[in-house]
Amino acid sequence: MSSARPRGRYVVIIVAGTLTVAPEDREAYLDGCRAVVEQARAAPGCLEFAIGPDLVEDGRITVLERWRGRAELEAFRGSGPDDAQTAVLLAADVTEYDVVRAHDGPPLALPPSIGSPAASALLGKGVRDLRDVAALTERELLSWHGVGPKAVTRLREALAEAGLTFAG
């Protein structure tokens, strides 16, 4: 697991939810997950990876993953659980969430000064770094809900520092 926390505005992918197995299968299922947890925690971009027994419901398993980005998650994910693990699952309720965050650590692409509304708007449109921003026009950005003149100015400054400009 990476211990460095990024600085600036960035996206974290959170995978969270529950799996249900027969109570008598839970311990074996979790034992079978040990190698997957170890592999995930060693994978680039993994911030957290945990699978554990629910303290109240005997057949319930809690899943929590945090990834630095979509590319790292997809590179690790591969084909998913093996057939033996899938066969004992009675139910799965696991969801992925894209979360815009800010922390200390090495800098990442989008400047934090654009604000949360603009960062959320960019994320919602699939814009994840300054290279994505450079493919857009200022006019296009200003047409998006949550992106105002101040955010565009800050993005223009960040692009200039990176040797990039807006399209058009």
N, C-alpha and C. Protein backbone atom coordinates (compact mmCIF):
# COMPACT_ATOMS: atom_id res chain seq x y z
N MET A 1 0.84 -1.18 0.00
CA MET A 1 0.00 0.00 0.00
C MET A 1 0.88 1.23 0.00
N SER A 2 0.49 2.19 -0.76
CA SER A 2 1.23 3.44 -0.82
C SER A 2 0.93 4.25 0.43
N SER A 3 1.99 4.74 1.10
CA SER A 3 1.76 5.52 2.32
C SER A 3 1.76 7.02 2.05
N ALA A 4 2.23 7.44 0.87
CA ALA A 4 2.26 8.87 0.56
C ALA A 4 0.84 9.37 0.29
N ARG A 5 0.53 10.49 0.85
CA ARG A 5 -0.78 11.11 0.59
C ARG A 5 -0.58 12.24 -0.40
N PRO A 6 -1.37 12.23 -1.48
CA PRO A 6 -1.22 13.28 -2.47
C PRO A 6 -1.58 14.65 -1.92
N ARG A 7 -1.02 15.68 -2.53
CA ARG A 7 -1.37 17.05 -2.20
C ARG A 7 -2.12 17.62 -3.39
N GLY A 8 -3.07 18.49 -3.16
CA GLY A 8 -3.85 19.07 -4.23
C GLY A 8 -5.12 18.28 -4.44
N ARG A 9 -5.89 18.70 -5.40
CA ARG A 9 -7.16 18.06 -5.68
C ARG A 9 -6.91 16.81 -6.51
N TYR A 10 -7.51 15.70 -6.13
CA TYR A 10 -7.32 14.46 -6.86
C TYR A 10 -8.52 13.55 -6.64
N VAL A 11 -8.57 12.50 -7.43
CA VAL A 11 -9.67 11.56 -7.36
C VAL A 11 -9.20 10.28 -6.68
N VAL A 12 -10.00 9.79 -5.76
CA VAL A 12 -9.77 8.50 -5.14
C VAL A 12 -10.96 7.62 -5.52
N ILE A 13 -10.68 6.38 -5.88
CA ILE A 13 -11.76 5.43 -6.15
C ILE A 13 -11.97 4.62 -4.87
N ILE A 14 -13.18 4.63 -4.37
CA ILE A 14 -13.52 3.84 -3.19
C ILE A 14 -14.46 2.72 -3.64
N VAL A 15 -14.12 1.52 -3.25
CA VAL A 15 -14.96 0.35 -3.50
C VAL A 15 -15.42 -0.13 -2.12
N ALA A 16 -16.72 -0.15 -1.91
CA ALA A 16 -17.23 -0.50 -0.58
C ALA A 16 -18.52 -1.28 -0.71
N GLY A 17 -18.71 -2.19 0.24
CA GLY A 17 -19.96 -2.93 0.25
C GLY A 17 -19.85 -4.20 1.06
N THR A 18 -20.77 -5.12 0.76
CA THR A 18 -20.82 -6.37 1.49
C THR A 18 -20.98 -7.56 0.55
N LEU A 19 -20.46 -8.69 1.02
CA LEU A 19 -20.66 -9.97 0.37
C LEU A 19 -21.40 -10.85 1.36
N THR A 20 -22.22 -11.75 0.86
CA THR A 20 -22.92 -12.67 1.75
C THR A 20 -22.60 -14.10 1.32
N VAL A 21 -22.19 -14.89 2.29
CA VAL A 21 -21.94 -16.33 2.10
C VAL A 21 -22.69 -17.07 3.21
N ALA A 22 -22.81 -18.36 3.07
CA ALA A 22 -23.40 -19.15 4.16
C ALA A 22 -22.49 -19.00 5.37
N PRO A 23 -23.05 -18.86 6.57
CA PRO A 23 -22.22 -18.67 7.76
C PRO A 23 -21.11 -19.72 7.90
N GLU A 24 -21.40 -20.96 7.53
CA GLU A 24 -20.39 -22.01 7.66
C GLU A 24 -19.27 -21.89 6.61
N ASP A 25 -19.47 -21.06 5.57
CA ASP A 25 -18.46 -20.88 4.52
C ASP A 25 -17.60 -19.63 4.72
N ARG A 26 -17.99 -18.78 5.67
CA ARG A 26 -17.33 -17.48 5.78
C ARG A 26 -15.84 -17.59 6.11
N GLU A 27 -15.46 -18.39 7.07
CA GLU A 27 -14.05 -18.48 7.45
C GLU A 27 -13.18 -18.96 6.29
N ALA A 28 -13.64 -19.98 5.58
CA ALA A 28 -12.88 -20.49 4.43
C ALA A 28 -12.81 -19.44 3.32
N TYR A 29 -13.91 -18.72 3.11
CA TYR A 29 -13.92 -17.68 2.08
C TYR A 29 -12.87 -16.61 2.41
N LEU A 30 -12.87 -16.15 3.64
CA LEU A 30 -11.91 -15.12 4.06
C LEU A 30 -10.47 -15.63 3.98
N ASP A 31 -10.23 -16.88 4.37
CA ASP A 31 -8.89 -17.45 4.24
C ASP A 31 -8.45 -17.44 2.78
N GLY A 32 -9.38 -17.72 1.88
CA GLY A 32 -9.08 -17.71 0.45
C GLY A 32 -8.80 -16.32 -0.10
N CYS A 33 -9.19 -15.30 0.63
CA CYS A 33 -8.97 -13.91 0.20
C CYS A 33 -7.62 -13.36 0.65
N ARG A 34 -6.94 -14.04 1.53
CA ARG A 34 -5.69 -13.53 2.10
C ARG A 34 -4.68 -13.15 1.01
N ALA A 35 -4.45 -14.01 0.05
CA ALA A 35 -3.47 -13.72 -1.02
C ALA A 35 -3.91 -12.53 -1.86
N VAL A 36 -5.20 -12.40 -2.10
CA VAL A 36 -5.71 -11.26 -2.87
C VAL A 36 -5.46 -9.95 -2.13
N VAL A 37 -5.70 -9.96 -0.82
CA VAL A 37 -5.47 -8.76 -0.01
C VAL A 37 -3.98 -8.40 -0.04
N GLU A 38 -3.11 -9.38 0.09
CA GLU A 38 -1.67 -9.11 0.05
C GLU A 38 -1.25 -8.56 -1.31
N GLN A 39 -1.78 -9.13 -2.39
CA GLN A 39 -1.46 -8.64 -3.74
C GLN A 39 -1.96 -7.22 -3.93
N ALA A 40 -3.18 -6.96 -3.48
CA ALA A 40 -3.75 -5.62 -3.64
C ALA A 40 -2.93 -4.58 -2.89
N ARG A 41 -2.58 -4.89 -1.66
CA ARG A 41 -1.83 -3.93 -0.85
C ARG A 41 -0.45 -3.65 -1.41
N ALA A 42 0.09 -4.57 -2.19
CA ALA A 42 1.39 -4.37 -2.84
C ALA A 42 1.26 -3.70 -4.21
N ALA A 43 0.04 -3.59 -4.71
CA ALA A 43 -0.18 -3.05 -6.06
C ALA A 43 0.00 -1.53 -6.08
N PRO A 44 0.55 -1.00 -7.17
CA PRO A 44 0.66 0.45 -7.31
C PRO A 44 -0.71 1.11 -7.23
N GLY A 45 -0.80 2.18 -6.48
CA GLY A 45 -2.04 2.94 -6.38
C GLY A 45 -3.01 2.47 -5.33
N CYS A 46 -2.72 1.35 -4.65
CA CYS A 46 -3.62 0.88 -3.60
C CYS A 46 -3.36 1.69 -2.33
N LEU A 47 -4.39 2.35 -1.83
CA LEU A 47 -4.29 3.11 -0.60
C LEU A 47 -4.81 2.31 0.60
N GLU A 48 -5.76 1.41 0.33
CA GLU A 48 -6.34 0.57 1.39
C GLU A 48 -7.03 -0.59 0.71
N PHE A 49 -6.95 -1.76 1.33
CA PHE A 49 -7.66 -2.93 0.82
C PHE A 49 -7.96 -3.82 2.01
N ALA A 50 -9.23 -3.99 2.32
CA ALA A 50 -9.62 -4.78 3.49
C ALA A 50 -10.87 -5.59 3.19
N ILE A 51 -10.84 -6.83 3.63
CA ILE A 51 -12.00 -7.72 3.56
C ILE A 51 -12.09 -8.37 4.93
N GLY A 52 -13.24 -8.25 5.58
CA GLY A 52 -13.33 -8.79 6.93
C GLY A 52 -14.72 -9.24 7.30
N PRO A 53 -14.81 -10.03 8.37
CA PRO A 53 -16.11 -10.53 8.83
C PRO A 53 -16.93 -9.43 9.50
N ASP A 54 -18.22 -9.44 9.25
CA ASP A 54 -19.13 -8.54 9.96
C ASP A 54 -19.24 -9.03 11.40
N LEU A 55 -19.30 -8.13 12.34
CA LEU A 55 -19.35 -8.50 13.76
C LEU A 55 -20.72 -8.95 14.24
N VAL A 56 -21.76 -8.69 13.43
CA VAL A 56 -23.12 -9.01 13.85
C VAL A 56 -23.74 -10.14 13.04
N GLU A 57 -23.58 -10.09 11.71
CA GLU A 57 -24.19 -11.10 10.84
C GLU A 57 -23.15 -12.15 10.44
N ASP A 58 -23.40 -13.40 10.75
CA ASP A 58 -22.43 -14.48 10.57
C ASP A 58 -22.02 -14.74 9.12
N GLY A 59 -22.89 -14.51 8.17
CA GLY A 59 -22.55 -14.78 6.77
C GLY A 59 -22.14 -13.56 5.99
N ARG A 60 -22.00 -12.44 6.66
CA ARG A 60 -21.73 -11.17 5.97
C ARG A 60 -20.24 -10.83 6.04
N ILE A 61 -19.71 -10.32 4.91
CA ILE A 61 -18.31 -9.92 4.78
C ILE A 61 -18.28 -8.48 4.29
N THR A 62 -17.48 -7.66 4.93
CA THR A 62 -17.36 -6.25 4.55
C THR A 62 -16.15 -6.07 3.64
N VAL A 63 -16.33 -5.27 2.59
CA VAL A 63 -15.27 -4.98 1.62
C VAL A 63 -15.01 -3.48 1.63
N LEU A 64 -13.73 -3.09 1.71
CA LEU A 64 -13.35 -1.68 1.59
C LEU A 64 -12.03 -1.60 0.83
N GLU A 65 -12.06 -0.84 -0.26
CA GLU A 65 -10.85 -0.60 -1.06
C GLU A 65 -10.77 0.90 -1.34
N ARG A 66 -9.55 1.44 -1.34
CA ARG A 66 -9.32 2.82 -1.77
C ARG A 66 -8.16 2.78 -2.76
N TRP A 67 -8.36 3.39 -3.93
CA TRP A 67 -7.35 3.40 -5.00
C TRP A 67 -7.06 4.82 -5.42
N ARG A 68 -5.80 5.07 -5.75
CA ARG A 68 -5.36 6.40 -6.17
C ARG A 68 -6.04 6.84 -7.47
N GLY A 69 -6.44 5.90 -8.31
CA GLY A 69 -7.11 6.28 -9.56
C GLY A 69 -7.67 5.06 -10.28
N ARG A 70 -8.46 5.34 -11.28
CA ARG A 70 -9.14 4.31 -12.06
C ARG A 70 -8.13 3.36 -12.74
N ALA A 71 -7.06 3.91 -13.30
CA ALA A 71 -6.10 3.08 -14.03
C ALA A 71 -5.47 2.04 -13.10
N GLU A 72 -5.13 2.46 -11.87
CA GLU A 72 -4.52 1.53 -10.92
C GLU A 72 -5.51 0.44 -10.49
N LEU A 73 -6.76 0.83 -10.27
CA LEU A 73 -7.79 -0.13 -9.89
C LEU A 73 -7.99 -1.15 -11.01
N GLU A 74 -8.14 -0.67 -12.24
CA GLU A 74 -8.37 -1.58 -13.36
C GLU A 74 -7.17 -2.49 -13.61
N ALA A 75 -5.96 -1.97 -13.44
CA ALA A 75 -4.76 -2.80 -13.63
C ALA A 75 -4.74 -3.94 -12.62
N PHE A 76 -5.17 -3.68 -11.39
CA PHE A 76 -5.19 -4.73 -10.38
C PHE A 76 -6.37 -5.68 -10.56
N ARG A 77 -7.50 -5.13 -10.88
CA ARG A 77 -8.76 -5.88 -10.86
C ARG A 77 -8.71 -7.14 -11.70
N GLY A 78 -8.20 -7.05 -12.90
CA GLY A 78 -8.13 -8.25 -13.75
C GLY A 78 -9.49 -8.88 -13.94
N SER A 79 -9.57 -10.18 -13.72
CA SER A 79 -10.81 -10.90 -14.01
C SER A 79 -11.72 -11.07 -12.79
N GLY A 80 -11.32 -10.57 -11.63
CA GLY A 80 -12.17 -10.67 -10.44
C GLY A 80 -11.95 -11.97 -9.68
N PRO A 81 -12.89 -12.33 -8.79
CA PRO A 81 -12.71 -13.52 -7.96
C PRO A 81 -12.69 -14.80 -8.81
N ASP A 82 -11.99 -15.82 -8.29
CA ASP A 82 -11.95 -17.07 -9.03
C ASP A 82 -13.29 -17.79 -8.90
N ASP A 83 -13.45 -18.86 -9.67
CA ASP A 83 -14.73 -19.59 -9.72
C ASP A 83 -15.12 -20.16 -8.36
N ALA A 84 -14.15 -20.65 -7.60
CA ALA A 84 -14.46 -21.23 -6.29
C ALA A 84 -15.03 -20.18 -5.34
N GLN A 85 -14.45 -18.98 -5.36
CA GLN A 85 -14.97 -17.92 -4.50
C GLN A 85 -16.35 -17.47 -4.96
N THR A 86 -16.52 -17.32 -6.26
CA THR A 86 -17.80 -16.88 -6.80
C THR A 86 -18.90 -17.89 -6.48
N ALA A 87 -18.57 -19.18 -6.50
CA ALA A 87 -19.57 -20.24 -6.27
C ALA A 87 -20.20 -20.16 -4.89
N VAL A 88 -19.48 -19.69 -3.87
CA VAL A 88 -20.05 -19.66 -2.52
C VAL A 88 -20.75 -18.35 -2.19
N LEU A 89 -20.66 -17.37 -3.08
CA LEU A 89 -21.34 -16.09 -2.83
C LEU A 89 -22.85 -16.25 -2.99
N LEU A 90 -23.58 -15.85 -1.98
CA LEU A 90 -25.04 -15.84 -2.05
C LEU A 90 -25.54 -14.49 -2.54
N ALA A 91 -24.79 -13.44 -2.22
CA ALA A 91 -25.15 -12.09 -2.65
C ALA A 91 -23.92 -11.20 -2.59
N ALA A 92 -23.95 -10.15 -3.41
CA ALA A 92 -22.88 -9.16 -3.40
C ALA A 92 -23.51 -7.79 -3.61
N ASP A 93 -23.17 -6.86 -2.75
CA ASP A 93 -23.64 -5.48 -2.87
C ASP A 93 -22.42 -4.58 -2.69
N VAL A 94 -21.65 -4.43 -3.75
CA VAL A 94 -20.41 -3.67 -3.72
C VAL A 94 -20.48 -2.60 -4.80
N THR A 95 -20.13 -1.37 -4.43
CA THR A 95 -20.24 -0.22 -5.34
C THR A 95 -18.92 0.53 -5.39
N GLU A 96 -18.61 1.09 -6.57
CA GLU A 96 -17.43 1.95 -6.74
C GLU A 96 -17.88 3.41 -6.69
N TYR A 97 -17.08 4.23 -6.01
CA TYR A 97 -17.36 5.65 -5.89
C TYR A 97 -16.12 6.44 -6.31
N ASP A 98 -16.28 7.45 -7.15
CA ASP A 98 -15.20 8.39 -7.47
C ASP A 98 -15.35 9.56 -6.51
N VAL A 99 -14.31 9.81 -5.72
CA VAL A 99 -14.37 10.85 -4.69
C VAL A 99 -13.26 11.86 -4.94
N VAL A 100 -13.59 13.13 -4.95
CA VAL A 100 -12.60 14.19 -5.08
C VAL A 100 -12.11 14.54 -3.69
N ARG A 101 -10.80 14.47 -3.47
CA ARG A 101 -10.21 14.70 -2.15
C ARG A 101 -9.04 15.66 -2.22
N ALA A 102 -8.59 16.10 -1.05
CA ALA A 102 -7.36 16.90 -0.94
C ALA A 102 -6.61 16.45 0.30
N HIS A 103 -5.30 16.19 0.16
CA HIS A 103 -4.44 15.75 1.27
C HIS A 103 -3.03 16.29 1.07
N ASP A 104 -2.20 16.15 2.11
CA ASP A 104 -0.79 16.48 1.99
C ASP A 104 -0.05 15.38 1.25
N GLY A 105 1.08 15.71 0.67
CA GLY A 105 1.89 14.72 -0.02
C GLY A 105 2.35 15.24 -1.37
N PRO A 106 2.81 14.37 -2.25
CA PRO A 106 3.30 14.82 -3.55
C PRO A 106 2.16 15.38 -4.40
N PRO A 107 2.44 16.40 -5.21
CA PRO A 107 1.39 17.05 -5.99
C PRO A 107 0.82 16.15 -7.09
N LEU A 108 -0.44 16.36 -7.38
CA LEU A 108 -1.09 15.71 -8.51
C LEU A 108 -1.62 16.79 -9.44
N ALA A 109 -2.31 16.39 -10.48
CA ALA A 109 -2.58 17.24 -11.62
C ALA A 109 -3.50 18.44 -11.40
N LEU A 110 -4.71 18.26 -10.91
CA LEU A 110 -5.65 19.37 -10.83
C LEU A 110 -5.34 20.25 -9.61
N PRO A 111 -5.26 21.56 -9.82
CA PRO A 111 -4.92 22.44 -8.69
C PRO A 111 -6.07 22.52 -7.68
N PRO A 112 -5.78 22.51 -6.39
CA PRO A 112 -6.83 22.58 -5.38
C PRO A 112 -7.57 23.91 -5.39
N SER A 113 -6.95 24.93 -5.94
CA SER A 113 -7.54 26.26 -5.92
C SER A 113 -8.76 26.41 -6.82
N ILE A 114 -9.09 25.38 -7.64
CA ILE A 114 -10.27 25.50 -8.49
C ILE A 114 -11.56 25.34 -7.70
N GLY A 115 -11.47 24.78 -6.50
CA GLY A 115 -12.64 24.62 -5.65
C GLY A 115 -13.37 23.31 -5.90
N SER A 116 -14.12 22.89 -4.89
CA SER A 116 -14.84 21.61 -4.97
C SER A 116 -15.91 21.56 -6.04
N PRO A 117 -16.72 22.62 -6.23
CA PRO A 117 -17.74 22.54 -7.28
C PRO A 117 -17.12 22.33 -8.67
N ALA A 118 -16.05 23.04 -8.96
CA ALA A 118 -15.40 22.89 -10.27
C ALA A 118 -14.75 21.52 -10.38
N ALA A 119 -14.09 21.07 -9.31
CA ALA A 119 -13.45 19.75 -9.34
C ALA A 119 -14.49 18.66 -9.56
N SER A 120 -15.63 18.78 -8.90
CA SER A 120 -16.70 17.79 -9.08
C SER A 120 -17.25 17.82 -10.50
N ALA A 121 -17.39 19.03 -11.05
CA ALA A 121 -17.88 19.15 -12.43
C ALA A 121 -16.89 18.51 -13.41
N LEU A 122 -15.60 18.75 -13.21
CA LEU A 122 -14.58 18.15 -14.08
C LEU A 122 -14.63 16.63 -13.98
N LEU A 123 -14.67 16.12 -12.77
CA LEU A 123 -14.74 14.68 -12.56
C LEU A 123 -15.97 14.09 -13.24
N GLY A 124 -17.09 14.77 -13.08
CA GLY A 124 -18.34 14.30 -13.68
C GLY A 124 -18.28 14.20 -15.19
N LYS A 125 -17.42 15.00 -15.80
CA LYS A 125 -17.25 14.98 -17.25
C LYS A 125 -16.06 14.13 -17.68
N GLY A 126 -15.43 13.44 -16.72
CA GLY A 126 -14.31 12.57 -17.06
C GLY A 126 -12.97 13.27 -17.16
N VAL A 127 -12.89 14.51 -16.71
CA VAL A 127 -11.64 15.27 -16.74
C VAL A 127 -10.88 14.98 -15.46
N ARG A 128 -9.72 14.31 -15.56
CA ARG A 128 -9.00 13.87 -14.38
C ARG A 128 -7.63 14.53 -14.20
N ASP A 129 -7.09 15.15 -15.24
CA ASP A 129 -5.80 15.82 -15.08
C ASP A 129 -5.68 16.97 -16.08
N LEU A 130 -4.57 17.70 -16.00
CA LEU A 130 -4.41 18.88 -16.85
C LEU A 130 -4.36 18.56 -18.34
N ARG A 131 -3.92 17.35 -18.70
CA ARG A 131 -3.94 16.97 -20.12
C ARG A 131 -5.37 16.91 -20.63
N ASP A 132 -6.29 16.45 -19.79
CA ASP A 132 -7.71 16.45 -20.17
C ASP A 132 -8.24 17.87 -20.30
N VAL A 133 -7.82 18.74 -19.38
CA VAL A 133 -8.25 20.14 -19.41
C VAL A 133 -7.77 20.80 -20.70
N ALA A 134 -6.54 20.49 -21.12
CA ALA A 134 -5.97 21.12 -22.33
C ALA A 134 -6.73 20.74 -23.60
N ALA A 135 -7.53 19.71 -23.55
CA ALA A 135 -8.32 19.30 -24.71
C ALA A 135 -9.63 20.08 -24.82
N LEU A 136 -9.89 20.96 -23.85
CA LEU A 136 -11.14 21.71 -23.79
C LEU A 136 -10.91 23.19 -24.07
N THR A 137 -11.96 23.88 -24.46
CA THR A 137 -11.89 25.34 -24.60
C THR A 137 -12.36 25.98 -23.31
N GLU A 138 -11.96 27.24 -23.10
CA GLU A 138 -12.43 27.97 -21.92
C GLU A 138 -13.95 28.11 -21.97
N ARG A 139 -14.47 28.37 -23.16
CA ARG A 139 -15.92 28.55 -23.32
C ARG A 139 -16.67 27.27 -22.92
N GLU A 140 -16.13 26.12 -23.34
CA GLU A 140 -16.76 24.85 -22.99
C GLU A 140 -16.79 24.67 -21.47
N LEU A 141 -15.66 24.92 -20.82
CA LEU A 141 -15.60 24.78 -19.36
C LEU A 141 -16.59 25.71 -18.66
N LEU A 142 -16.67 26.94 -19.13
CA LEU A 142 -17.58 27.90 -18.51
C LEU A 142 -19.05 27.53 -18.68
N SER A 143 -19.35 26.67 -19.64
CA SER A 143 -20.74 26.24 -19.84
C SER A 143 -21.14 25.14 -18.86
N TRP A 144 -20.17 24.57 -18.14
CA TRP A 144 -20.47 23.50 -17.21
C TRP A 144 -20.90 24.06 -15.86
N HIS A 145 -21.95 23.50 -15.30
CA HIS A 145 -22.41 23.89 -13.97
C HIS A 145 -21.30 23.61 -12.95
N GLY A 146 -20.96 24.63 -12.16
CA GLY A 146 -19.92 24.48 -11.13
C GLY A 146 -18.57 25.04 -11.53
N VAL A 147 -18.39 25.33 -12.82
CA VAL A 147 -17.12 25.87 -13.29
C VAL A 147 -17.33 27.34 -13.65
N GLY A 148 -16.73 28.22 -12.86
CA GLY A 148 -16.87 29.64 -13.10
C GLY A 148 -15.57 30.27 -13.58
N PRO A 149 -15.59 31.60 -13.79
CA PRO A 149 -14.40 32.30 -14.28
C PRO A 149 -13.17 32.12 -13.38
N LYS A 150 -13.37 32.09 -12.07
CA LYS A 150 -12.24 31.94 -11.15
C LYS A 150 -11.56 30.57 -11.37
N ALA A 151 -12.36 29.51 -11.50
CA ALA A 151 -11.80 28.17 -11.73
C ALA A 151 -11.06 28.12 -13.07
N VAL A 152 -11.63 28.75 -14.10
CA VAL A 152 -10.99 28.74 -15.41
C VAL A 152 -9.66 29.50 -15.36
N THR A 153 -9.63 30.61 -14.64
CA THR A 153 -8.38 31.36 -14.47
C THR A 153 -7.33 30.50 -13.78
N ARG A 154 -7.72 29.83 -12.72
CA ARG A 154 -6.77 28.97 -12.00
C ARG A 154 -6.30 27.81 -12.88
N LEU A 155 -7.20 27.26 -13.68
CA LEU A 155 -6.81 26.19 -14.60
C LEU A 155 -5.86 26.71 -15.67
N ARG A 156 -6.12 27.91 -16.19
CA ARG A 156 -5.24 28.52 -17.19
C ARG A 156 -3.83 28.69 -16.62
N GLU A 157 -3.75 29.15 -15.37
CA GLU A 157 -2.45 29.33 -14.72
C GLU A 157 -1.74 27.98 -14.55
N ALA A 158 -2.48 26.95 -14.12
CA ALA A 158 -1.88 25.63 -13.94
C ALA A 158 -1.42 25.05 -15.28
N LEU A 159 -2.22 25.26 -16.32
CA LEU A 159 -1.83 24.80 -17.66
C LEU A 159 -0.53 25.48 -18.09
N ALA A 160 -0.46 26.79 -17.87
CA ALA A 160 0.74 27.54 -18.27
C ALA A 160 1.98 27.01 -17.54
N GLU A 161 1.83 26.74 -16.24
CA GLU A 161 2.96 26.19 -15.48
C GLU A 161 3.41 24.84 -16.01
N ALA A 162 2.48 24.09 -16.59
CA ALA A 162 2.80 22.77 -17.14
C ALA A 162 3.19 22.84 -18.62
N GLY A 163 3.20 24.07 -19.19
CA GLY A 163 3.54 24.23 -20.59
C GLY A 163 2.40 23.85 -21.53
N LEU A 164 1.18 23.94 -21.04
CA LEU A 164 -0.02 23.59 -21.82
C LEU A 164 -0.92 24.79 -21.97
N THR A 165 -1.88 24.72 -22.88
CA THR A 165 -2.89 25.77 -23.05
C THR A 165 -4.24 25.10 -23.30
N PHE A 166 -5.30 25.92 -23.21
CA PHE A 166 -6.62 25.43 -23.57
C PHE A 166 -6.68 25.18 -25.07
N ALA A 167 -7.57 24.32 -25.51
CA ALA A 167 -7.78 24.06 -26.94
C ALA A 167 -8.39 25.30 -27.59
N GLY A 168 -8.20 25.41 -28.88
CA GLY A 168 -8.84 26.50 -29.64
C GLY A 168 -8.29 27.80 -29.30
